[in-house]
All heavy atoms as atom14 arrays in JSON, in Angstrom:
{
  "sequence": "KIVAGVIKTAKELTDTEFQLYGDEAAIRTYLTEELANIK",
  "atom14_mask": [
    [1, 1, 1, 1, 1, 1, 1, 1, 1, 0, 0, 0, 0, 0],
    [1, 1, 1, 1, 1, 1, 1, 1, 0, 0, 0, 0, 0, 0],
    [1, 1, 1, 1, 1, 1, 1, 0, 0, 0, 0, 0, 0, 0],
    [1, 1, 1, 1, 1, 0, 0, 0, 0, 0, 0, 0, 0, 0],
    [1, 1, 1, 1, 0, 0, 0, 0, 0, 0, 0, 0, 0, 0],
    [1, 1, 1, 1, 1, 1, 1, 0, 0, 0, 0, 0, 0, 0],
    [1, 1, 1, 1, 1, 1, 1, 1, 0, 0, 0, 0, 0, 0],
    [1, 1, 1, 1, 1, 1, 1, 1, 1, 0, 0, 0, 0, 0],
    [1, 1, 1, 1, 1, 1, 1, 0, 0, 0, 0, 0, 0, 0],
    [1, 1, 1, 1, 1, 0, 0, 0, 0, 0, 0, 0, 0, 0],
    [1, 1, 1, 1, 1, 1, 1, 1, 1, 0, 0, 0, 0, 0],
    [1, 1, 1, 1, 1, 1, 1, 1, 1, 0, 0, 0, 0, 0],
    [1, 1, 1, 1, 1, 1, 1, 1, 0, 0, 0, 0, 0, 0],
    [1, 1, 1, 1, 1, 1, 1, 0, 0, 0, 0, 0, 0, 0],
    [1, 1, 1, 1, 1, 1, 1, 1, 0, 0, 0, 0, 0, 0],
    [1, 1, 1, 1, 1, 1, 1, 0, 0, 0, 0, 0, 0, 0],
    [1, 1, 1, 1, 1, 1, 1, 1, 1, 0, 0, 0, 0, 0],
    [1, 1, 1, 1, 1, 1, 1, 1, 1, 1, 1, 0, 0, 0],
    [1, 1, 1, 1, 1, 1, 1, 1, 1, 0, 0, 0, 0, 0],
    [1, 1, 1, 1, 1, 1, 1, 1, 0, 0, 0, 0, 0, 0],
    [1, 1, 1, 1, 1, 1, 1, 1, 1, 1, 1, 1, 0, 0],
    [1, 1, 1, 1, 0, 0, 0, 0, 0, 0, 0, 0, 0, 0],
    [1, 1, 1, 1, 1, 1, 1, 1, 0, 0, 0, 0, 0, 0],
    [1, 1, 1, 1, 1, 1, 1, 1, 1, 0, 0, 0, 0, 0],
    [1, 1, 1, 1, 1, 0, 0, 0, 0, 0, 0, 0, 0, 0],
    [1, 1, 1, 1, 1, 0, 0, 0, 0, 0, 0, 0, 0, 0],
    [1, 1, 1, 1, 1, 1, 1, 1, 0, 0, 0, 0, 0, 0],
    [1, 1, 1, 1, 1, 1, 1, 1, 1, 1, 1, 0, 0, 0],
    [1, 1, 1, 1, 1, 1, 1, 0, 0, 0, 0, 0, 0, 0],
    [1, 1, 1, 1, 1, 1, 1, 1, 1, 1, 1, 1, 0, 0],
    [1, 1, 1, 1, 1, 1, 1, 1, 0, 0, 0, 0, 0, 0],
    [1, 1, 1, 1, 1, 1, 1, 0, 0, 0, 0, 0, 0, 0],
    [1, 1, 1, 1, 1, 1, 1, 1, 1, 0, 0, 0, 0, 0],
    [1, 1, 1, 1, 1, 1, 1, 1, 1, 0, 0, 0, 0, 0],
    [1, 1, 1, 1, 1, 1, 1, 1, 0, 0, 0, 0, 0, 0],
    [1, 1, 1, 1, 1, 0, 0, 0, 0, 0, 0, 0, 0, 0],
    [1, 1, 1, 1, 1, 1, 1, 1, 0, 0, 0, 0, 0, 0],
    [1, 1, 1, 1, 1, 1, 1, 1, 0, 0, 0, 0, 0, 0],
    [1, 1, 1, 1, 1, 1, 1, 1, 1, 0, 0, 0, 0, 0]
  ],
  "atom14_positions": [
    [[89.9, 158.39, 102.59], [89.11, 159.14, 103.55], [89.65, 159.0, 104.97], [89.55, 159.93, 105.78], [87.65, 158.69, 103.51], [86.97, 158.91, 102.15], [86.97, 160.38, 101.77], [86.27, 160.6, 100.44], [86.28, 162.02, 100.0], [0.0, 0.0, 0.0], [0.0, 0.0, 0.0], [0.0, 0.0, 0.0], [0.0, 0.0, 0.0], [0.0, 0.0, 0.0]],
    [[90.23, 157.82, 105.26], [90.83, 157.62, 106.58], [91.99, 158.58, 106.77], [92.1, 159.27, 107.79], [91.31, 156.16, 106.75], [90.16, 155.17, 106.48], [91.88, 155.97, 108.14], [88.99, 155.3, 107.4], [0.0, 0.0, 0.0], [0.0, 0.0, 0.0], [0.0, 0.0, 0.0], [0.0, 0.0, 0.0], [0.0, 0.0, 0.0], [0.0, 0.0, 0.0]],
    [[92.85, 158.65, 105.78], [94.02, 159.53, 105.86], [93.6, 161.0, 105.93], [94.15, 161.79, 106.72], [94.97, 159.29, 104.68], [96.11, 160.3, 104.68], [95.53, 157.87, 104.72], [0.0, 0.0, 0.0], [0.0, 0.0, 0.0], [0.0, 0.0, 0.0], [0.0, 0.0, 0.0], [0.0, 0.0, 0.0], [0.0, 0.0, 0.0], [0.0, 0.0, 0.0]],
    [[92.61, 161.37, 105.14], [92.13, 162.76, 105.15], [91.59, 163.14, 106.53], [91.84, 164.24, 107.04], [91.04, 162.95, 104.1], [0.0, 0.0, 0.0], [0.0, 0.0, 0.0], [0.0, 0.0, 0.0], [0.0, 0.0, 0.0], [0.0, 0.0, 0.0], [0.0, 0.0, 0.0], [0.0, 0.0, 0.0], [0.0, 0.0, 0.0], [0.0, 0.0, 0.0]],
    [[90.85, 162.22, 107.16], [90.34, 162.48, 108.5], [91.44, 162.57, 109.53], [91.36, 163.39, 110.45], [0.0, 0.0, 0.0], [0.0, 0.0, 0.0], [0.0, 0.0, 0.0], [0.0, 0.0, 0.0], [0.0, 0.0, 0.0], [0.0, 0.0, 0.0], [0.0, 0.0, 0.0], [0.0, 0.0, 0.0], [0.0, 0.0, 0.0], [0.0, 0.0, 0.0]],
    [[92.45, 161.75, 109.37], [93.59, 161.79, 110.29], [94.34, 163.11, 110.19], [94.7, 163.72, 111.2], [94.54, 160.6, 110.03], [95.85, 160.78, 110.8], [93.88, 159.29, 110.43], [0.0, 0.0, 0.0], [0.0, 0.0, 0.0], [0.0, 0.0, 0.0], [0.0, 0.0, 0.0], [0.0, 0.0, 0.0], [0.0, 0.0, 0.0], [0.0, 0.0, 0.0]],
    [[94.56, 163.57, 108.96], [95.25, 164.85, 108.77], [94.48, 165.98, 109.45], [95.05, 166.82, 110.16], [95.43, 165.15, 107.26], [96.41, 164.16, 106.62], [95.92, 166.59, 107.04], [96.52, 164.27, 105.12], [0.0, 0.0, 0.0], [0.0, 0.0, 0.0], [0.0, 0.0, 0.0], [0.0, 0.0, 0.0], [0.0, 0.0, 0.0], [0.0, 0.0, 0.0]],
    [[93.18, 166.0, 109.23], [92.34, 167.04, 109.83], [92.41, 167.02, 111.34], [92.54, 168.07, 112.01], [90.88, 166.87, 109.37], [89.93, 167.92, 109.91], [88.52, 167.7, 109.4], [87.55, 168.75, 109.95], [86.17, 168.54, 109.44], [0.0, 0.0, 0.0], [0.0, 0.0, 0.0], [0.0, 0.0, 0.0], [0.0, 0.0, 0.0], [0.0, 0.0, 0.0]],
    [[92.38, 165.83, 111.92], [92.4, 165.7, 113.37], [93.79, 166.01, 113.93], [93.92, 166.64, 114.98], [91.99, 164.28, 113.8], [90.87, 163.84, 113.03], [91.64, 164.26, 115.28], [0.0, 0.0, 0.0], [0.0, 0.0, 0.0], [0.0, 0.0, 0.0], [0.0, 0.0, 0.0], [0.0, 0.0, 0.0], [0.0, 0.0, 0.0], [0.0, 0.0, 0.0]],
    [[94.83, 165.55, 113.23], [96.2, 165.74, 113.7], [96.57, 167.21, 113.8], [97.36, 167.61, 114.66], [97.17, 165.01, 112.78], [0.0, 0.0, 0.0], [0.0, 0.0, 0.0], [0.0, 0.0, 0.0], [0.0, 0.0, 0.0], [0.0, 0.0, 0.0], [0.0, 0.0, 0.0], [0.0, 0.0, 0.0], [0.0, 0.0, 0.0], [0.0, 0.0, 0.0]],
    [[96.02, 168.02, 112.93], [96.28, 169.47, 112.99], [95.69, 170.1, 114.24], [96.23, 171.07, 114.78], [95.69, 170.15, 111.75], [96.44, 169.85, 110.45], [95.77, 170.57, 109.29], [96.49, 170.33, 107.98], [95.82, 171.0, 106.85], [0.0, 0.0, 0.0], [0.0, 0.0, 0.0], [0.0, 0.0, 0.0], [0.0, 0.0, 0.0], [0.0, 0.0, 0.0]],
    [[94.58, 169.55, 114.7], [93.9, 170.09, 115.88], [94.44, 169.49, 117.16], [94.68, 170.21, 118.14], [92.4, 169.83, 115.76], [91.59, 170.39, 116.91], [90.1, 170.19, 116.7], [89.65, 170.2, 115.54], [89.39, 170.02, 117.72], [0.0, 0.0, 0.0], [0.0, 0.0, 0.0], [0.0, 0.0, 0.0], [0.0, 0.0, 0.0], [0.0, 0.0, 0.0]],
    [[94.63, 168.17, 117.16], [95.11, 167.48, 118.37], [96.61, 167.23, 118.23], [97.06, 166.12, 117.99], [94.35, 166.16, 118.56], [92.82, 166.26, 118.67], [92.22, 164.88, 118.87], [92.42, 167.17, 119.82], [0.0, 0.0, 0.0], [0.0, 0.0, 0.0], [0.0, 0.0, 0.0], [0.0, 0.0, 0.0], [0.0, 0.0, 0.0], [0.0, 0.0, 0.0]],
    [[97.37, 168.27, 118.4], [98.82, 168.19, 118.18], [99.54, 167.38, 119.26], [100.69, 166.97, 119.05], [99.42, 169.6, 118.11], [99.09, 170.31, 119.32], [98.88, 170.36, 116.91], [0.0, 0.0, 0.0], [0.0, 0.0, 0.0], [0.0, 0.0, 0.0], [0.0, 0.0, 0.0], [0.0, 0.0, 0.0], [0.0, 0.0, 0.0], [0.0, 0.0, 0.0]],
    [[98.87, 167.14, 120.38], [99.49, 166.35, 121.45], [99.08, 164.89, 121.39], [99.32, 164.13, 122.33], [99.11, 166.93, 122.81], [97.6, 166.95, 123.04], [96.86, 166.82, 122.06], [97.18, 167.12, 124.21], [0.0, 0.0, 0.0], [0.0, 0.0, 0.0], [0.0, 0.0, 0.0], [0.0, 0.0, 0.0], [0.0, 0.0, 0.0], [0.0, 0.0, 0.0]],
    [[98.49, 164.47, 120.27], [98.08, 163.07, 120.06], [98.85, 162.5, 118.88], [99.0, 163.15, 117.85], [96.56, 162.98, 119.79], [95.86, 163.45, 120.94], [96.16, 161.54, 119.52], [0.0, 0.0, 0.0], [0.0, 0.0, 0.0], [0.0, 0.0, 0.0], [0.0, 0.0, 0.0], [0.0, 0.0, 0.0], [0.0, 0.0, 0.0], [0.0, 0.0, 0.0]],
    [[99.34, 161.27, 119.04], [100.07, 160.6, 117.96], [99.11, 159.67, 117.2], [98.41, 158.87, 117.8], [101.21, 159.77, 118.53], [102.02, 159.02, 117.46], [103.17, 158.23, 118.05], [104.22, 158.84, 118.28], [102.99, 157.02, 118.31], [0.0, 0.0, 0.0], [0.0, 0.0, 0.0], [0.0, 0.0, 0.0], [0.0, 0.0, 0.0], [0.0, 0.0, 0.0]],
    [[99.11, 159.8, 115.87], [98.24, 159.0, 115.02], [99.1, 158.02, 114.24], [99.92, 158.42, 113.41], [97.44, 159.9, 114.08], [96.57, 160.89, 114.81], [97.05, 162.14, 115.16], [95.27, 160.55, 115.18], [96.26, 163.05, 115.85], [94.47, 161.44, 115.88], [94.96, 162.7, 116.21], [0.0, 0.0, 0.0], [0.0, 0.0, 0.0], [0.0, 0.0, 0.0]],
    [[98.91, 156.73, 114.51], [99.69, 155.67, 113.87], [98.87, 155.03, 112.77], [97.86, 154.36, 113.05], [100.1, 154.62, 114.9], [100.87, 155.17, 116.1], [101.06, 154.16, 117.2], [100.63, 153.0, 117.08], [101.7, 154.56, 118.29], [0.0, 0.0, 0.0], [0.0, 0.0, 0.0], [0.0, 0.0, 0.0], [0.0, 0.0, 0.0], [0.0, 0.0, 0.0]],
    [[99.26, 155.23, 111.52], [98.53, 154.71, 110.37], [99.13, 153.36, 109.95], [100.28, 153.29, 109.52], [98.6, 155.68, 109.2], [97.72, 156.94, 109.33], [98.13, 157.97, 108.31], [96.25, 156.59, 109.16], [0.0, 0.0, 0.0], [0.0, 0.0, 0.0], [0.0, 0.0, 0.0], [0.0, 0.0, 0.0], [0.0, 0.0, 0.0], [0.0, 0.0, 0.0]],
    [[98.34, 152.28, 110.08], [98.79, 150.94, 109.71], [98.18, 150.54, 108.38], [96.97, 150.64, 108.2], [98.38, 149.94, 110.79], [99.11, 150.12, 112.1], [98.71, 151.1, 113.01], [100.2, 149.32, 112.43], [99.4, 151.28, 114.21], [100.88, 149.48, 113.64], [100.47, 150.48, 114.51], [101.15, 150.65, 115.69], [0.0, 0.0, 0.0], [0.0, 0.0, 0.0]],
    [[99.04, 150.09, 107.45], [98.55, 149.66, 106.15], [99.58, 149.73, 105.07], [100.79, 149.85, 105.35], [0.0, 0.0, 0.0], [0.0, 0.0, 0.0], [0.0, 0.0, 0.0], [0.0, 0.0, 0.0], [0.0, 0.0, 0.0], [0.0, 0.0, 0.0], [0.0, 0.0, 0.0], [0.0, 0.0, 0.0], [0.0, 0.0, 0.0], [0.0, 0.0, 0.0]],
    [[99.15, 149.68, 103.83], [100.05, 149.76, 102.67], [100.66, 151.15, 102.63], [99.99, 152.15, 102.34], [99.23, 149.49, 101.4], [100.09, 149.44, 100.14], [101.08, 150.19, 100.07], [99.75, 148.68, 99.23], [0.0, 0.0, 0.0], [0.0, 0.0, 0.0], [0.0, 0.0, 0.0], [0.0, 0.0, 0.0], [0.0, 0.0, 0.0], [0.0, 0.0, 0.0]],
    [[101.96, 151.21, 102.91], [102.61, 152.52, 103.04], [102.51, 153.36, 101.76], [102.25, 154.56, 101.81], [104.08, 152.35, 103.44], [104.79, 153.69, 103.67], [106.17, 153.52, 104.28], [106.64, 152.37, 104.41], [106.78, 154.57, 104.61], [0.0, 0.0, 0.0], [0.0, 0.0, 0.0], [0.0, 0.0, 0.0], [0.0, 0.0, 0.0], [0.0, 0.0, 0.0]],
    [[102.71, 152.74, 100.62], [102.65, 153.47, 99.35], [101.25, 154.06, 99.14], [101.11, 155.22, 98.73], [103.02, 152.56, 98.19], [0.0, 0.0, 0.0], [0.0, 0.0, 0.0], [0.0, 0.0, 0.0], [0.0, 0.0, 0.0], [0.0, 0.0, 0.0], [0.0, 0.0, 0.0], [0.0, 0.0, 0.0], [0.0, 0.0, 0.0], [0.0, 0.0, 0.0]],
    [[100.22, 153.26, 99.4], [98.85, 153.74, 99.24], [98.53, 154.86, 100.22], [97.88, 155.86, 99.87], [97.86, 152.58, 99.42], [0.0, 0.0, 0.0], [0.0, 0.0, 0.0], [0.0, 0.0, 0.0], [0.0, 0.0, 0.0], [0.0, 0.0, 0.0], [0.0, 0.0, 0.0], [0.0, 0.0, 0.0], [0.0, 0.0, 0.0], [0.0, 0.0, 0.0]],
    [[98.98, 154.71, 101.45], [98.74, 155.73, 102.48], [99.4, 157.06, 102.1], [98.8, 158.12, 102.17], [99.22, 155.25, 103.86], [98.36, 154.1, 104.35], [99.21, 156.4, 104.88], [98.89, 153.41, 105.59], [0.0, 0.0, 0.0], [0.0, 0.0, 0.0], [0.0, 0.0, 0.0], [0.0, 0.0, 0.0], [0.0, 0.0, 0.0], [0.0, 0.0, 0.0]],
    [[100.65, 156.97, 101.69], [101.42, 158.2, 101.39], [100.9, 158.9, 100.13], [101.14, 160.09, 99.94], [102.91, 157.88, 101.26], [103.53, 157.47, 102.59], [105.03, 157.58, 102.61], [105.58, 157.22, 103.91], [105.6, 158.0, 104.97], [105.13, 159.23, 104.88], [106.12, 157.57, 106.11], [0.0, 0.0, 0.0], [0.0, 0.0, 0.0], [0.0, 0.0, 0.0]],
    [[100.16, 158.19, 99.31], [99.53, 158.83, 98.14], [98.57, 159.92, 98.59], [98.42, 160.96, 97.94], [98.75, 157.78, 97.32], [99.67, 156.79, 96.84], [98.03, 158.44, 96.14], [0.0, 0.0, 0.0], [0.0, 0.0, 0.0], [0.0, 0.0, 0.0], [0.0, 0.0, 0.0], [0.0, 0.0, 0.0], [0.0, 0.0, 0.0], [0.0, 0.0, 0.0]],
    [[97.91, 159.69, 99.74], [96.91, 160.63, 100.25], [97.43, 161.44, 101.44], [96.74, 162.35, 101.9], [95.65, 159.88, 100.67], [95.05, 159.09, 99.52], [95.2, 157.7, 99.45], [94.38, 159.73, 98.48], [94.66, 156.98, 98.38], [93.85, 159.03, 97.42], [93.99, 157.65, 97.38], [93.48, 156.95, 96.32], [0.0, 0.0, 0.0], [0.0, 0.0, 0.0]],
    [[98.61, 161.11, 101.9], [99.19, 161.86, 103.02], [99.86, 163.1, 102.45], [101.08, 163.16, 102.27], [100.18, 160.98, 103.79], [100.65, 161.49, 105.15], [99.48, 161.68, 106.1], [101.65, 160.5, 105.75], [0.0, 0.0, 0.0], [0.0, 0.0, 0.0], [0.0, 0.0, 0.0], [0.0, 0.0, 0.0], [0.0, 0.0, 0.0], [0.0, 0.0, 0.0]],
    [[99.04, 164.09, 102.15], [99.49, 165.28, 101.42], [100.32, 166.24, 102.28], [100.96, 167.15, 101.75], [98.28, 166.04, 100.88], [97.36, 166.35, 101.95], [97.56, 165.2, 99.83], [0.0, 0.0, 0.0], [0.0, 0.0, 0.0], [0.0, 0.0, 0.0], [0.0, 0.0, 0.0], [0.0, 0.0, 0.0], [0.0, 0.0, 0.0], [0.0, 0.0, 0.0]],
    [[100.29, 166.04, 103.58], [101.07, 166.91, 104.48], [101.88, 166.07, 105.44], [101.41, 165.06, 105.94], [100.13, 167.84, 105.26], [99.29, 168.76, 104.39], [98.41, 169.68, 105.22], [98.94, 170.31, 106.15], [97.2, 169.74, 104.94], [0.0, 0.0, 0.0], [0.0, 0.0, 0.0], [0.0, 0.0, 0.0], [0.0, 0.0, 0.0], [0.0, 0.0, 0.0]],
    [[103.12, 166.51, 105.69], [103.97, 165.82, 106.64], [103.78, 166.46, 108.02], [104.17, 167.61, 108.24], [105.44, 165.9, 106.22], [105.78, 165.13, 104.96], [105.67, 163.61, 105.18], [105.84, 163.16, 106.33], [105.42, 162.89, 104.21], [0.0, 0.0, 0.0], [0.0, 0.0, 0.0], [0.0, 0.0, 0.0], [0.0, 0.0, 0.0], [0.0, 0.0, 0.0]],
    [[103.13, 165.73, 108.91], [102.88, 166.23, 110.25], [103.65, 165.36, 111.25], [103.66, 164.14, 111.13], [101.39, 166.21, 110.58], [100.5, 167.08, 109.67], [99.03, 166.83, 109.97], [100.84, 168.55, 109.86], [0.0, 0.0, 0.0], [0.0, 0.0, 0.0], [0.0, 0.0, 0.0], [0.0, 0.0, 0.0], [0.0, 0.0, 0.0], [0.0, 0.0, 0.0]],
    [[104.24, 166.01, 112.23], [105.11, 165.29, 113.18], [104.37, 164.24, 113.99], [104.99, 163.26, 114.44], [105.78, 166.3, 114.12], [0.0, 0.0, 0.0], [0.0, 0.0, 0.0], [0.0, 0.0, 0.0], [0.0, 0.0, 0.0], [0.0, 0.0, 0.0], [0.0, 0.0, 0.0], [0.0, 0.0, 0.0], [0.0, 0.0, 0.0], [0.0, 0.0, 0.0]],
    [[103.07, 164.42, 114.19], [102.32, 163.49, 115.02], [101.59, 162.41, 114.22], [100.7, 161.75, 114.74], [101.34, 164.23, 115.93], [100.37, 165.1, 115.16], [100.63, 165.53, 114.05], [99.22, 165.38, 115.77], [0.0, 0.0, 0.0], [0.0, 0.0, 0.0], [0.0, 0.0, 0.0], [0.0, 0.0, 0.0], [0.0, 0.0, 0.0], [0.0, 0.0, 0.0]],
    [[101.97, 162.23, 112.94], [101.43, 161.14, 112.12], [102.58, 160.19, 111.75], [103.6, 160.62, 111.2], [100.75, 161.65, 110.85], [99.53, 162.51, 111.17], [100.35, 160.47, 109.96], [98.8, 163.06, 109.96], [0.0, 0.0, 0.0], [0.0, 0.0, 0.0], [0.0, 0.0, 0.0], [0.0, 0.0, 0.0], [0.0, 0.0, 0.0], [0.0, 0.0, 0.0]],
    [[102.4, 158.92, 112.05], [103.38, 157.9, 111.7], [102.74, 156.85, 110.8], [101.57, 156.53, 110.96], [103.94, 157.24, 112.95], [104.8, 158.18, 113.82], [105.44, 157.41, 114.98], [106.34, 158.31, 115.78], [106.99, 157.59, 116.9], [0.0, 0.0, 0.0], [0.0, 0.0, 0.0], [0.0, 0.0, 0.0], [0.0, 0.0, 0.0], [0.0, 0.0, 0.0]]
  ]
}
């Protein structure tokens, strides 16, 4: 749910960088879209 909320926000706030800290494999499972402002 954290990743889903970040994706939704990142599409709207394109001038904001969202840094996701955690288990990379688990995060990328739900990171269904590659957005430039999500790390």
